[in-house]
Amino acid sequence: MDFCLKDDNYLQFKDIIYKQIFGMPMGNPLSPTIADLVMDHLLDECLTECNAKPNFIVKYVDDIFAVMDKYKVADLLLILNGFHSKLQFTVENENNSSISFLDVKIHRMDTQLSFDWFQKPTASGRLINFRDKRFYHSNTIKVTKILSDKGFPPAIIRGLILQQQCRRAKQQSEVNNKGYFKSIVYVPKLAESFKQVVAKNIQDVRLAFKSNQTIRHLFTKLKTKIDRDKRTDVIYKINCKGKPDETCNLCYIGTTKQFLRQRLSNHKSDIKNYNLAKTALAAHSIDKGHSPDFDGVKVLQTEKHTSKRYTLETLHILNNKNNMNRKQDTQSISSVYYSLVSS
């Protein structure tokens, strides 16, 4: 317990390792349980020494709902906040005889309480997709039971489900008639040609172009930046430095799933051992006596999905006129798009 609660709470930020000295860390499986135990202990201790006890009290983790006289609220709050300096509570009183607690809106009507559904303004309204074919029947049964238990008339339930089935059938029909879309990175001049090839060779597929300049490129990254040589699943570019008396404008574009430093080590080994058949970079360096610029290697893109990474590598090769990659290192335009559509 000491190890899990105290000795294992570390985090890294900007290459500096920090130790959490108070509280439970987010993501630790023990954190919810410990929080619940602490709250139970806190309420037991505070209510024992409190003269202003609530008429009714219930909690969910750190949210508490209580019914008590108004003039006793301040005294109870003072006792709760005196338990520990880092555990401080706030009070929300009823407004117009109603108050929210979790996802319930509680209304006080004379001597009775009535309950309504409550959603926070920030609630997304997201639920499991009702149209998933694999669980459609079981989800229909669950929804029917939930609504029946809450008093919804059977005719209304059947009508709602029927409406959804009709809407689902209509949407499926529209999808079958229109085909489906796949998105690809837009490469000037090249993308239009690819689109024509797809239109001729692959039925029911429509291409939509997207930019590499996404929102994530516009904002500061909060995670610690990974060293270039420690990055994986990348597409990289190596320029050729030529010879002292001979310049070379060619470059090599490749991809690797392993650490980039390991891939560069493999390239160096191929050149050192005269393995011309390994890569176009080794063949060019050995044949011309040129030196690759391993220190200036540039990461062009990161993509964890293997088939997409190979497709993007091919697009970078085709878009770079000064590449030294061999023809067999690239795919044809048709096979590139077939791979993209299949994935």
C-alpha atoms as a PDB file:
ATOM      1  CA  MET A   1       0.000   0.000   0.000  1.00  0.00           C
ATOM      2  CA  ASP A   2       2.836   2.413   0.809  1.00  0.00           C
ATOM      3  CA  PHE A   3       4.421   1.712  -2.569  1.00  0.00           C
ATOM      4  CA  CYS A   4       1.154   2.146  -4.511  1.00  0.00           C
ATOM      5  CA  LEU A   5       0.083   5.278  -2.616  1.00  0.00           C
ATOM      6  CA  LYS A   6       3.363   7.076  -1.938  1.00  0.00           C
ATOM      7  CA  ASP A   7       6.398   5.643  -3.724  1.00  0.00           C
ATOM      8  CA  ASP A   8       4.974   5.183  -7.232  1.00  0.00           C
ATOM      9  CA  ASN A   9       3.522   8.654  -7.892  1.00  0.00           C
ATOM     10  CA  TYR A  10       5.924  10.134 -10.449  1.00  0.00           C
ATOM     11  CA  LEU A  11       5.441  12.185 -13.580  1.00  0.00           C
ATOM     12  CA  GLN A  12       7.710  13.700 -16.213  1.00  0.00           C
ATOM     13  CA  PHE A  13       7.412  17.195 -17.693  1.00  0.00           C
ATOM     14  CA  LYS A  14      10.015  18.817 -19.950  1.00  0.00           C
ATOM     15  CA  ASP A  15      12.593  16.121 -19.157  1.00  0.00           C
ATOM     16  CA  ILE A  16      12.255  16.748 -15.390  1.00  0.00           C
ATOM     17  CA  ILE A  17      10.865  14.007 -13.129  1.00  0.00           C
ATOM     18  CA  TYR A  18       8.523  15.130 -10.337  1.00  0.00           C
ATOM     19  CA  LYS A  19       7.096  13.259  -7.346  1.00  0.00           C
ATOM     20  CA  GLN A  20       3.523  13.897  -6.211  1.00  0.00           C
ATOM     21  CA  ILE A  21       3.660  14.665  -2.481  1.00  0.00           C
ATOM     22  CA  PHE A  22      -0.054  14.973  -1.698  1.00  0.00           C
ATOM     23  CA  GLY A  23      -3.240  13.335  -2.928  1.00  0.00           C
ATOM     24  CA  MET A  24      -3.886  10.482  -5.309  1.00  0.00           C
ATOM     25  CA  PRO A  25      -2.817  10.659  -8.976  1.00  0.00           C
ATOM     26  CA  MET A  26      -5.300  10.678 -11.825  1.00  0.00           C
ATOM     27  CA  GLY A  27      -5.337   7.341 -13.629  1.00  0.00           C
ATOM     28  CA  ASN A  28      -4.301   5.276 -10.603  1.00  0.00           C
ATOM     29  CA  PRO A  29      -6.876   2.433 -10.202  1.00  0.00           C
ATOM     30  CA  LEU A  30      -6.760   2.941  -6.424  1.00  0.00           C
ATOM     31  CA  SER A  31      -7.636   6.648  -6.532  1.00  0.00           C
ATOM     32  CA  PRO A  32     -11.481   6.336  -6.663  1.00  0.00           C
ATOM     33  CA  THR A  33     -11.497   3.769  -3.851  1.00  0.00           C
ATOM     34  CA  ILE A  34      -9.192   5.828  -1.631  1.00  0.00           C
ATOM     35  CA  ALA A  35     -11.262   8.976  -2.282  1.00  0.00           C
ATOM     36  CA  ASP A  36     -14.434   7.127  -1.275  1.00  0.00           C
ATOM     37  CA  LEU A  37     -12.822   5.825   1.939  1.00  0.00           C
ATOM     38  CA  VAL A  38     -11.515   9.273   2.855  1.00  0.00           C
ATOM     39  CA  MET A  39     -14.967  10.817   2.358  1.00  0.00           C
ATOM     40  CA  ASP A  40     -16.600   8.111   4.495  1.00  0.00           C
ATOM     41  CA  HIS A  41     -14.077   8.758   7.266  1.00  0.00           C
ATOM     42  CA  LEU A  42     -14.503  12.538   6.944  1.00  0.00           C
ATOM     43  CA  LEU A  43     -18.301  12.392   7.256  1.00  0.00           C
ATOM     44  CA  ASP A  44     -18.178   9.920  10.162  1.00  0.00           C
ATOM     45  CA  GLU A  45     -15.806  12.156  12.103  1.00  0.00           C
ATOM     46  CA  CYS A  46     -17.491  15.466  11.301  1.00  0.00           C
ATOM     47  CA  LEU A  47     -21.089  14.357  11.878  1.00  0.00           C
ATOM     48  CA  THR A  48     -20.138  12.784  15.212  1.00  0.00           C
ATOM     49  CA  GLU A  49     -18.892  16.081  16.624  1.00  0.00           C
ATOM     50  CA  CYS A  50     -21.529  18.190  14.884  1.00  0.00           C
ATOM     51  CA  ASN A  51     -24.577  19.393  16.778  1.00  0.00           C
ATOM     52  CA  ALA A  52     -26.195  20.628  13.550  1.00  0.00           C
ATOM     53  CA  LYS A  53     -26.813  17.202  12.013  1.00  0.00           C
ATOM     54  CA  PRO A  54     -28.759  17.050   8.722  1.00  0.00           C
ATOM     55  CA  ASN A  55     -32.204  15.429   8.638  1.00  0.00           C
ATOM     56  CA  PHE A  56     -31.045  13.492   5.579  1.00  0.00           C
ATOM     57  CA  ILE A  57     -27.626  13.136   3.899  1.00  0.00           C
ATOM     58  CA  VAL A  58     -26.270  11.059   1.007  1.00  0.00           C
ATOM     59  CA  LYS A  59     -23.021  11.238  -0.972  1.00  0.00           C
ATOM     60  CA  TYR A  60     -21.542  10.088  -4.269  1.00  0.00           C
ATOM     61  CA  VAL A  61     -17.723  10.224  -4.045  1.00  0.00           C
ATOM     62  CA  ASP A  62     -17.207  13.939  -3.188  1.00  0.00           C
ATOM     63  CA  ASP A  63     -20.714  15.221  -3.994  1.00  0.00           C
ATOM     64  CA  ILE A  64     -23.050  15.478  -0.992  1.00  0.00           C
ATOM     65  CA  PHE A  65     -26.795  16.089  -0.891  1.00  0.00           C
ATOM     66  CA  ALA A  66     -28.315  17.024   2.464  1.00  0.00           C
ATOM     67  CA  VAL A  67     -31.647  18.203   3.860  1.00  0.00           C
ATOM     68  CA  MET A  68     -31.286  20.418   6.933  1.00  0.00           C
ATOM     69  CA  ASP A  69     -32.361  23.694   8.539  1.00  0.00           C
ATOM     70  CA  LYS A  70     -30.917  26.761   6.816  1.00  0.00           C
ATOM     71  CA  TYR A  71     -29.385  28.255   9.979  1.00  0.00           C
ATOM     72  CA  LYS A  72     -27.356  25.048  10.574  1.00  0.00           C
ATOM     73  CA  VAL A  73     -25.644  25.038   7.156  1.00  0.00           C
ATOM     74  CA  ALA A  74     -22.857  27.482   8.083  1.00  0.00           C
ATOM     75  CA  ASP A  75     -21.955  25.503  11.220  1.00  0.00           C
ATOM     76  CA  LEU A  76     -21.735  22.206   9.307  1.00  0.00           C
ATOM     77  CA  LEU A  77     -19.646  23.790   6.534  1.00  0.00           C
ATOM     78  CA  LEU A  78     -17.206  25.158   9.136  1.00  0.00           C
ATOM     79  CA  ILE A  79     -16.723  21.699  10.640  1.00  0.00           C
ATOM     80  CA  LEU A  80     -16.254  20.016   7.252  1.00  0.00           C
ATOM     81  CA  ASN A  81     -13.637  22.568   6.143  1.00  0.00           C
ATOM     82  CA  GLY A  82     -11.824  22.215   9.461  1.00  0.00           C
ATOM     83  CA  PHE A  83     -11.156  18.495   8.913  1.00  0.00           C
ATOM     84  CA  HIS A  84      -8.118  19.118   6.655  1.00  0.00           C
ATOM     85  CA  SER A  85      -6.688  22.282   5.134  1.00  0.00           C
ATOM     86  CA  LYS A  86      -6.544  20.760   1.633  1.00  0.00           C
ATOM     87  CA  LEU A  87     -10.110  19.386   1.707  1.00  0.00           C
ATOM     88  CA  GLN A  88     -12.409  22.391   1.329  1.00  0.00           C
ATOM     89  CA  PHE A  89     -16.129  22.300   0.540  1.00  0.00           C
ATOM     90  CA  THR A  90     -18.503  24.801  -1.024  1.00  0.00           C
ATOM     91  CA  VAL A  91     -22.262  25.045  -0.558  1.00  0.00           C
ATOM     92  CA  GLU A  92     -24.981  25.350  -3.172  1.00  0.00           C
ATOM     93  CA  ASN A  93     -28.415  26.166  -1.809  1.00  0.00           C
ATOM     94  CA  GLU A  94     -31.707  25.387  -3.487  1.00  0.00           C
ATOM     95  CA  ASN A  95     -33.017  27.937  -5.969  1.00  0.00           C
ATOM     96  CA  ASN A  96     -36.759  28.299  -6.537  1.00  0.00           C
ATOM     97  CA  SER A  97     -37.283  25.212  -4.356  1.00  0.00           C
ATOM     98  CA  SER A  98     -35.061  23.036  -6.566  1.00  0.00           C
ATOM     99  CA  ILE A  99     -31.433  21.908  -6.736  1.00  0.00           C
ATOM    100  CA  SER A 100     -29.391  19.562  -8.953  1.00  0.00           C
ATOM    101  CA  PHE A 101     -27.487  16.545  -7.651  1.00  0.00           C
ATOM    102  CA  LEU A 102     -25.493  14.524 -10.205  1.00  0.00           C
ATOM    103  CA  ASP A 103     -27.927  13.900 -13.115  1.00  0.00           C
ATOM    104  CA  VAL A 104     -31.063  14.485 -11.046  1.00  0.00           C
ATOM    105  CA  LYS A 105     -33.019  17.707 -10.597  1.00  0.00           C
ATOM    106  CA  ILE A 106     -34.693  17.636  -7.163  1.00  0.00           C
ATOM    107  CA  HIS A 107     -37.818  19.754  -6.622  1.00  0.00           C
ATOM    108  CA  ARG A 108     -39.245  20.467  -3.142  1.00  0.00           C
ATOM    109  CA  MET A 109     -43.015  20.565  -3.221  1.00  0.00           C
ATOM    110  CA  ASP A 110     -44.477  21.191   0.258  1.00  0.00           C
ATOM    111  CA  THR A 111     -43.479  18.075   2.231  1.00  0.00           C
ATOM    112  CA  GLN A 112     -42.539  15.935  -0.780  1.00  0.00           C
ATOM    113  CA  LEU A 113     -39.659  15.718  -3.228  1.00  0.00           C
ATOM    114  CA  SER A 114     -40.064  15.148  -6.969  1.00  0.00           C
ATOM    115  CA  PHE A 115     -37.284  14.251  -9.367  1.00  0.00           C
ATOM    116  CA  ASP A 116     -36.475  15.282 -12.932  1.00  0.00           C
ATOM    117  CA  TRP A 117     -33.639  14.509 -15.350  1.00  0.00           C
ATOM    118  CA  PHE A 118     -30.780  17.040 -15.176  1.00  0.00           C
ATOM    119  CA  GLN A 119     -27.975  17.661 -17.676  1.00  0.00           C
ATOM    120  CA  LYS A 120     -25.102  20.071 -17.192  1.00  0.00           C
ATOM    121  CA  PRO A 121     -24.738  22.824 -19.842  1.00  0.00           C
ATOM    122  CA  THR A 122     -21.486  21.142 -20.910  1.00  0.00           C
ATOM    123  CA  ALA A 123     -23.105  17.714 -21.424  1.00  0.00           C
ATOM    124  CA  SER A 124     -22.309  16.326 -24.900  1.00  0.00           C
ATOM    125  CA  GLY A 125     -25.364  14.061 -25.146  1.00  0.00           C
ATOM    126  CA  ARG A 126     -23.219  11.238 -26.525  1.00  0.00           C
ATOM    127  CA  LEU A 127     -24.555   7.698 -26.191  1.00  0.00           C
ATOM    128  CA  ILE A 128     -23.686   4.344 -27.717  1.00  0.00           C
ATOM    129  CA  ASN A 129     -24.697   4.341 -31.377  1.00  0.00           C
ATOM    130  CA  PHE A 130     -28.163   2.817 -31.650  1.00  0.00           C
ATOM    131  CA  ARG A 131     -27.526   1.859 -35.301  1.00  0.00           C
ATOM    132  CA  ASP A 132     -24.729  -0.646 -34.585  1.00  0.00           C
ATOM    133  CA  LYS A 133     -25.983  -3.820 -36.313  1.00  0.00           C
ATOM    134  CA  ARG A 134     -24.158  -6.212 -33.981  1.00  0.00           C
ATOM    135  CA  PHE A 135     -25.998  -4.988 -30.867  1.00  0.00           C
ATOM    136  CA  TYR A 136     -29.129  -3.535 -32.420  1.00  0.00           C
ATOM    137  CA  HIS A 137     -31.538  -6.159 -31.076  1.00  0.00           C
ATOM    138  CA  SER A 138     -30.104  -6.259 -27.542  1.00  0.00           C
ATOM    139  CA  ASN A 139     -30.006  -2.439 -27.338  1.00  0.00           C
ATOM    140  CA  THR A 140     -33.621  -2.265 -28.488  1.00  0.00           C
ATOM    141  CA  ILE A 141     -34.628  -4.597 -25.651  1.00  0.00           C
ATOM    142  CA  LYS A 142     -32.671  -2.523 -23.110  1.00  0.00           C
ATOM    143  CA  VAL A 143     -34.183   0.776 -24.266  1.00  0.00           C
ATOM    144  CA  THR A 144     -37.685  -0.721 -24.240  1.00  0.00           C
ATOM    145  CA  LYS A 145     -37.229  -2.000 -20.673  1.00  0.00           C
ATOM    146  CA  ILE A 146     -35.817   1.306 -19.414  1.00  0.00           C
ATOM    147  CA  LEU A 147     -38.698   3.305 -20.878  1.00  0.00           C
ATOM    148  CA  SER A 148     -41.290   0.774 -19.676  1.00  0.00           C
ATOM    149  CA  ASP A 149     -39.909   0.884 -16.122  1.00  0.00           C
ATOM    150  CA  LYS A 150     -40.271   4.668 -16.174  1.00  0.00           C
ATOM    151  CA  GLY A 151     -43.916   4.541 -17.161  1.00  0.00           C
ATOM    152  CA  PHE A 152     -43.733   5.286 -20.899  1.00  0.00           C
ATOM    153  CA  PRO A 153     -46.804   3.917 -22.750  1.00  0.00           C
ATOM    154  CA  PRO A 154     -46.012   0.848 -24.948  1.00  0.00           C
ATOM    155  CA  ALA A 155     -47.509   2.537 -28.031  1.00  0.00           C
ATOM    156  CA  ILE A 156     -45.102   5.478 -27.735  1.00  0.00           C
ATOM    157  CA  ILE A 157     -42.125   3.133 -27.280  1.00  0.00           C
ATOM    158  CA  ARG A 158     -43.065   1.086 -30.368  1.00  0.00           C
ATOM    159  CA  GLY A 159     -43.581   4.284 -32.360  1.00  0.00           C
ATOM    160  CA  LEU A 160     -40.161   5.674 -31.423  1.00  0.00           C
ATOM    161  CA  ILE A 161     -38.391   2.438 -32.333  1.00  0.00           C
ATOM    162  CA  LEU A 162     -40.272   2.187 -35.638  1.00  0.00           C
ATOM    163  CA  GLN A 163     -39.313   5.768 -36.530  1.00  0.00           C
ATOM    164  CA  GLN A 164     -35.668   4.950 -35.836  1.00  0.00           C
ATOM    165  CA  GLN A 165     -35.821   1.786 -37.962  1.00  0.00           C
ATOM    166  CA  CYS A 166     -37.306   3.707 -40.892  1.00  0.00           C
ATOM    167  CA  ARG A 167     -34.695   6.455 -40.569  1.00  0.00           C
ATOM    168  CA  ARG A 168     -31.925   3.852 -40.408  1.00  0.00           C
ATOM    169  CA  ALA A 169     -33.192   2.081 -43.515  1.00  0.00           C
ATOM    170  CA  LYS A 170     -33.377   5.376 -45.412  1.00  0.00           C
ATOM    171  CA  GLN A 171     -29.824   6.362 -44.436  1.00  0.00           C
ATOM    172  CA  GLN A 172     -28.492   2.955 -45.451  1.00  0.00           C
ATOM    173  CA  SER A 173     -30.208   3.245 -48.809  1.00  0.00           C
ATOM    174  CA  GLU A 174     -28.644   6.667 -49.407  1.00  0.00           C
ATOM    175  CA  VAL A 175     -25.177   5.320 -48.512  1.00  0.00           C
ATOM    176  CA  ASN A 176     -25.571   2.383 -50.922  1.00  0.00           C
ATOM    177  CA  ASN A 177     -26.550   4.735 -53.718  1.00  0.00           C
ATOM    178  CA  LYS A 178     -23.804   7.301 -53.105  1.00  0.00           C
ATOM    179  CA  GLY A 179     -20.893   4.983 -52.277  1.00  0.00           C
ATOM    180  CA  TYR A 180     -18.452   5.975 -49.567  1.00  0.00           C
ATOM    181  CA  PHE A 181     -15.704   8.542 -49.044  1.00  0.00           C
ATOM    182  CA  LYS A 182     -12.019   8.175 -48.215  1.00  0.00           C
ATOM    183  CA  SER A 183      -9.779  11.080 -47.251  1.00  0.00           C
ATOM    184  CA  ILE A 184      -6.193  11.541 -48.473  1.00  0.00           C
ATOM    185  CA  VAL A 185      -3.516  14.159 -47.997  1.00  0.00           C
ATOM    186  CA  TYR A 186      -3.595  16.768 -50.753  1.00  0.00           C
ATOM    187  CA  VAL A 187      -0.421  16.958 -52.846  1.00  0.00           C
ATOM    188  CA  PRO A 188      -0.512  19.747 -55.488  1.00  0.00           C
ATOM    189  CA  LYS A 189      -0.841  18.508 -59.109  1.00  0.00           C
ATOM    190  CA  LEU A 190      -0.420  14.875 -58.039  1.00  0.00           C
ATOM    191  CA  ALA A 191      -3.717  14.599 -56.143  1.00  0.00           C
ATOM    192  CA  GLU A 192      -5.892  15.448 -59.154  1.00  0.00           C
ATOM    193  CA  SER A 193      -4.239  12.704 -61.216  1.00  0.00           C
ATOM    194  CA  PHE A 194      -4.731  10.179 -58.447  1.00  0.00           C
ATOM    195  CA  LYS A 195      -8.392  11.108 -58.186  1.00  0.00           C
ATOM    196  CA  GLN A 196      -8.920  10.373 -61.873  1.00  0.00           C
ATOM    197  CA  VAL A 197      -7.246   6.974 -61.552  1.00  0.00           C
ATOM    198  CA  VAL A 198      -9.477   6.046 -58.613  1.00  0.00           C
ATOM    199  CA  ALA A 199     -12.608   7.154 -60.461  1.00  0.00           C
ATOM    200  CA  LYS A 200     -11.724   4.868 -63.370  1.00  0.00           C
ATOM    201  CA  ASN A 201     -10.536   1.790 -61.466  1.00  0.00           C
ATOM    202  CA  ILE A 202     -12.423   1.668 -58.140  1.00  0.00           C
ATOM    203  CA  GLN A 203     -16.206   1.802 -58.060  1.00  0.00           C
ATOM    204  CA  ASP A 204     -18.338   3.445 -55.365  1.00  0.00           C
ATOM    205  CA  VAL A 205     -15.374   5.328 -53.873  1.00  0.00           C
ATOM    206  CA  ARG A 206     -15.121   9.100 -53.669  1.00  0.00           C
ATOM    207  CA  LEU A 207     -11.990  10.884 -52.554  1.00  0.00           C
ATOM    208  CA  ALA A 208     -11.906  13.911 -50.291  1.00  0.00           C
ATOM    209  CA  PHE A 209      -8.684  15.876 -49.895  1.00  0.00           C
ATOM    210  CA  LYS A 210      -7.365  16.976 -46.508  1.00  0.00           C
ATOM    211  CA  SER A 211      -4.483  19.177 -45.384  1.00  0.00           C
ATOM    212  CA  ASN A 212      -1.529  18.161 -43.250  1.00  0.00           C
ATOM    213  CA  GLN A 213      -1.843  21.496 -41.415  1.00  0.00           C
ATOM    214  CA  THR A 214      -4.313  20.348 -38.755  1.00  0.00           C
ATOM    215  CA  ILE A 215      -5.272  22.095 -35.510  1.00  0.00           C
ATOM    216  CA  ARG A 216      -2.608  20.200 -33.569  1.00  0.00           C
ATOM    217  CA  HIS A 217       0.072  22.041 -35.585  1.00  0.00           C
ATOM    218  CA  LEU A 218      -1.321  25.435 -34.560  1.00  0.00           C
ATOM    219  CA  PHE A 219      -1.160  25.024 -30.782  1.00  0.00           C
ATOM    220  CA  THR A 220       1.648  24.420 -28.310  1.00  0.00           C
ATOM    221  CA  LYS A 221       2.187  20.754 -27.550  1.00  0.00           C
ATOM    222  CA  LEU A 222       1.948  20.086 -23.809  1.00  0.00           C
ATOM    223  CA  LYS A 223       3.730  16.735 -23.902  1.00  0.00           C
ATOM    224  CA  THR A 224       7.496  16.552 -23.662  1.00  0.00           C
ATOM    225  CA  LYS A 225       8.979  16.554 -27.157  1.00  0.00           C
ATOM    226  CA  ILE A 226      10.560  13.231 -28.118  1.00  0.00           C
ATOM    227  CA  ASP A 227      14.119  13.372 -29.433  1.00  0.00           C
ATOM    228  CA  ARG A 228      14.307  12.881 -33.171  1.00  0.00           C
ATOM    229  CA  ASP A 229      16.419   9.724 -32.888  1.00  0.00           C
ATOM    230  CA  LYS A 230      13.929   8.159 -30.441  1.00  0.00           C
ATOM    231  CA  ARG A 231      10.876   8.646 -32.658  1.00  0.00           C
ATOM    232  CA  THR A 232       9.126   5.651 -34.237  1.00  0.00           C
ATOM    233  CA  ASP A 233       6.630   5.076 -37.081  1.00  0.00           C
ATOM    234  CA  VAL A 234       8.115   7.921 -39.125  1.00  0.00           C
ATOM    235  CA  ILE A 235       8.766   8.917 -42.718  1.00  0.00           C
ATOM    236  CA  TYR A 236      12.207  10.498 -42.954  1.00  0.00           C
ATOM    237  CA  LYS A 237      14.413  12.294 -45.460  1.00  0.00           C
ATOM    238  CA  ILE A 238      18.230  12.055 -45.800  1.00  0.00           C
ATOM    239  CA  ASN A 239      20.039  14.561 -48.037  1.00  0.00           C
ATOM    240  CA  CYS A 240      23.245  13.645 -49.829  1.00  0.00           C
ATOM    241  CA  LYS A 241      26.308  15.798 -49.080  1.00  0.00           C
ATOM    242  CA  GLY A 242      28.198  14.551 -52.145  1.00  0.00           C
ATOM    243  CA  LYS A 243      32.001  14.855 -52.064  1.00  0.00           C
ATOM    244  CA  PRO A 244      34.326  17.690 -51.030  1.00  0.00           C
ATOM    245  CA  ASP A 245      34.755  18.537 -54.716  1.00  0.00           C
ATOM    246  CA  GLU A 246      31.320  17.445 -55.919  1.00  0.00           C
ATOM    247  CA  THR A 247      27.889  18.613 -54.724  1.00  0.00           C
ATOM    248  CA  CYS A 248      24.792  16.427 -54.870  1.00  0.00           C
ATOM    249  CA  ASN A 249      21.192  17.598 -54.680  1.00  0.00           C
ATOM    250  CA  LEU A 250      19.622  14.149 -54.328  1.00  0.00           C
ATOM    251  CA  CYS A 251      17.859  12.862 -51.238  1.00  0.00           C
ATOM    252  CA  TYR A 252      16.561   9.546 -49.921  1.00  0.00           C
ATOM    253  CA  ILE A 253      13.070   9.169 -48.457  1.00  0.00           C
ATOM    254  CA  GLY A 254      12.303   6.164 -46.301  1.00  0.00           C
ATOM    255  CA  THR A 255      10.035   4.890 -43.545  1.00  0.00           C
ATOM    256  CA  THR A 256      10.569   2.846 -40.410  1.00  0.00           C
ATOM    257  CA  LYS A 257       8.566   1.428 -37.524  1.00  0.00           C
ATOM    258  CA  GLN A 258      11.585   1.118 -35.231  1.00  0.00           C
ATOM    259  CA  PHE A 259      13.568   3.884 -33.529  1.00  0.00           C
ATOM    260  CA  LEU A 260      14.954   6.278 -36.148  1.00  0.00           C
ATOM    261  CA  ARG A 261      18.447   5.975 -34.669  1.00  0.00           C
ATOM    262  CA  GLN A 262      18.342   2.200 -35.261  1.00  0.00           C
ATOM    263  CA  ARG A 263      17.237   2.680 -38.869  1.00  0.00           C
ATOM    264  CA  LEU A 264      20.046   5.181 -39.461  1.00  0.00           C
ATOM    265  CA  SER A 265      22.493   2.709 -37.926  1.00  0.00           C
ATOM    266  CA  ASN A 266      21.284   0.104 -40.432  1.00  0.00           C
ATOM    267  CA  HIS A 267      21.906   2.544 -43.299  1.00  0.00           C
ATOM    268  CA  LYS A 268      25.443   3.206 -42.058  1.00  0.00           C
ATOM    269  CA  SER A 269      26.087  -0.529 -41.765  1.00  0.00           C
ATOM    270  CA  ASP A 270      24.833  -1.162 -45.331  1.00  0.00           C
ATOM    271  CA  ILE A 271      27.216   1.466 -46.704  1.00  0.00           C
ATOM    272  CA  LYS A 272      30.138   0.220 -44.616  1.00  0.00           C
ATOM    273  CA  ASN A 273      29.595  -3.414 -45.694  1.00  0.00           C
ATOM    274  CA  TYR A 274      28.913  -2.534 -49.354  1.00  0.00           C
ATOM    275  CA  ASN A 275      25.340  -3.905 -49.355  1.00  0.00           C
ATOM    276  CA  LEU A 276      24.239  -2.253 -52.585  1.00  0.00           C
ATOM    277  CA  ALA A 277      21.041  -4.292 -52.801  1.00  0.00           C
ATOM    278  CA  LYS A 278      19.685  -3.116 -49.461  1.00  0.00           C
ATOM    279  CA  THR A 279      18.504   0.408 -50.287  1.00  0.00           C
ATOM    280  CA  ALA A 280      18.866   3.093 -52.929  1.00  0.00           C
ATOM    281  CA  LEU A 281      20.787   5.151 -50.361  1.00  0.00           C
ATOM    282  CA  ALA A 282      23.439   2.469 -49.963  1.00  0.00           C
ATOM    283  CA  ALA A 283      23.655   1.920 -53.739  1.00  0.00           C
ATOM    284  CA  HIS A 284      24.047   5.650 -54.433  1.00  0.00           C
ATOM    285  CA  SER A 285      26.629   6.218 -51.684  1.00  0.00           C
ATOM    286  CA  ILE A 286      28.777   3.214 -52.686  1.00  0.00           C
ATOM    287  CA  ASP A 287      28.531   3.805 -56.428  1.00  0.00           C
ATOM    288  CA  LYS A 288      29.201   7.567 -56.306  1.00  0.00           C
ATOM    289  CA  GLY A 289      31.367   7.674 -53.204  1.00  0.00           C
ATOM    290  CA  HIS A 290      29.027  10.251 -51.695  1.00  0.00           C
ATOM    291  CA  SER A 291      28.333  10.813 -47.992  1.00  0.00           C
ATOM    292  CA  PRO A 292      24.745  10.962 -46.665  1.00  0.00           C
ATOM    293  CA  ASP A 293      23.957  13.767 -44.226  1.00  0.00           C
ATOM    294  CA  PHE A 294      22.959  11.571 -41.274  1.00  0.00           C
ATOM    295  CA  ASP A 295      23.233  14.490 -38.837  1.00  0.00           C
ATOM    296  CA  GLY A 296      20.654  16.521 -40.761  1.00  0.00           C
ATOM    297  CA  VAL A 297      17.998  13.825 -41.108  1.00  0.00           C
ATOM    298  CA  LYS A 298      14.495  15.343 -41.241  1.00  0.00           C
ATOM    299  CA  VAL A 299      11.291  13.664 -40.060  1.00  0.00           C
ATOM    300  CA  LEU A 300       8.618  14.380 -42.676  1.00  0.00           C
ATOM    301  CA  GLN A 301       5.639  12.733 -41.018  1.00  0.00           C
ATOM    302  CA  THR A 302       4.528  10.304 -38.301  1.00  0.00           C
ATOM    303  CA  GLU A 303       1.924   7.607 -38.962  1.00  0.00           C
ATOM    304  CA  LYS A 304       1.370   4.509 -36.782  1.00  0.00           C
ATOM    305  CA  HIS A 305      -0.866   2.707 -39.295  1.00  0.00           C
ATOM    306  CA  THR A 306       1.509   0.620 -41.424  1.00  0.00           C
ATOM    307  CA  SER A 307      -0.304   0.673 -44.779  1.00  0.00           C
ATOM    308  CA  LYS A 308      -1.045   4.405 -44.486  1.00  0.00           C
ATOM    309  CA  ARG A 309       2.603   5.094 -43.623  1.00  0.00           C
ATOM    310  CA  TYR A 310       3.796   3.283 -46.773  1.00  0.00           C
ATOM    311  CA  THR A 311       1.233   5.172 -48.841  1.00  0.00           C
ATOM    312  CA  LEU A 312       2.363   8.528 -47.438  1.00  0.00           C
ATOM    313  CA  GLU A 313       6.000   7.576 -48.037  1.00  0.00           C
ATOM    314  CA  THR A 314       5.177   6.944 -51.691  1.00  0.00           C
ATOM    315  CA  LEU A 315       3.411  10.302 -51.964  1.00  0.00           C
ATOM    316  CA  HIS A 316       6.462  12.080 -50.540  1.00  0.00           C
ATOM    317  CA  ILE A 317       8.734  10.245 -52.994  1.00  0.00           C
ATOM    318  CA  LEU A 318       6.548  11.080 -55.989  1.00  0.00           C
ATOM    319  CA  ASN A 319       6.318  14.719 -54.893  1.00  0.00           C
ATOM    320  CA  ASN A 320      10.108  15.087 -54.587  1.00  0.00           C
ATOM    321  CA  LYS A 321      11.819  15.259 -57.980  1.00  0.00           C
ATOM    322  CA  ASN A 322      15.327  14.996 -56.513  1.00  0.00           C
ATOM    323  CA  ASN A 323      14.850  11.651 -54.786  1.00  0.00           C
ATOM    324  CA  MET A 324      17.285   8.784 -55.378  1.00  0.00           C
ATOM    325  CA  ASN A 325      14.726   6.064 -54.539  1.00  0.00           C
ATOM    326  CA  ARG A 326      14.558   3.268 -57.049  1.00  0.00           C
ATOM    327  CA  LYS A 327      11.384   2.565 -58.992  1.00  0.00           C
ATOM    328  CA  GLN A 328      10.864  -0.728 -57.186  1.00  0.00           C
ATOM    329  CA  ASP A 329      10.900   1.188 -53.890  1.00  0.00           C
ATOM    330  CA  THR A 330       7.682   2.964 -54.882  1.00  0.00           C
ATOM    331  CA  GLN A 331       4.238   1.722 -55.792  1.00  0.00           C
ATOM    332  CA  SER A 332       2.198   2.625 -58.829  1.00  0.00           C
ATOM    333  CA  ILE A 333      -0.463   5.281 -58.475  1.00  0.00           C
ATOM    334  CA  SER A 334      -3.199   2.659 -58.737  1.00  0.00           C
ATOM    335  CA  SER A 335      -1.749   0.395 -56.044  1.00  0.00           C
ATOM    336  CA  VAL A 336      -1.189   3.365 -53.751  1.00  0.00           C
ATOM    337  CA  TYR A 337      -4.840   4.264 -53.887  1.00  0.00           C
ATOM    338  CA  TYR A 338      -5.954   0.654 -53.648  1.00  0.00           C
ATOM    339  CA  SER A 339      -3.967   0.355 -50.421  1.00  0.00           C
ATOM    340  CA  LEU A 340      -5.450   3.593 -49.126  1.00  0.00           C
ATOM    341  CA  VAL A 341      -9.028   2.621 -49.917  1.00  0.00           C
ATOM    342  CA  SER A 342      -8.577  -0.884 -48.475  1.00  0.00           C
ATOM    343  CA  SER A 343      -7.263   0.482 -45.187  1.00  0.00           C
END
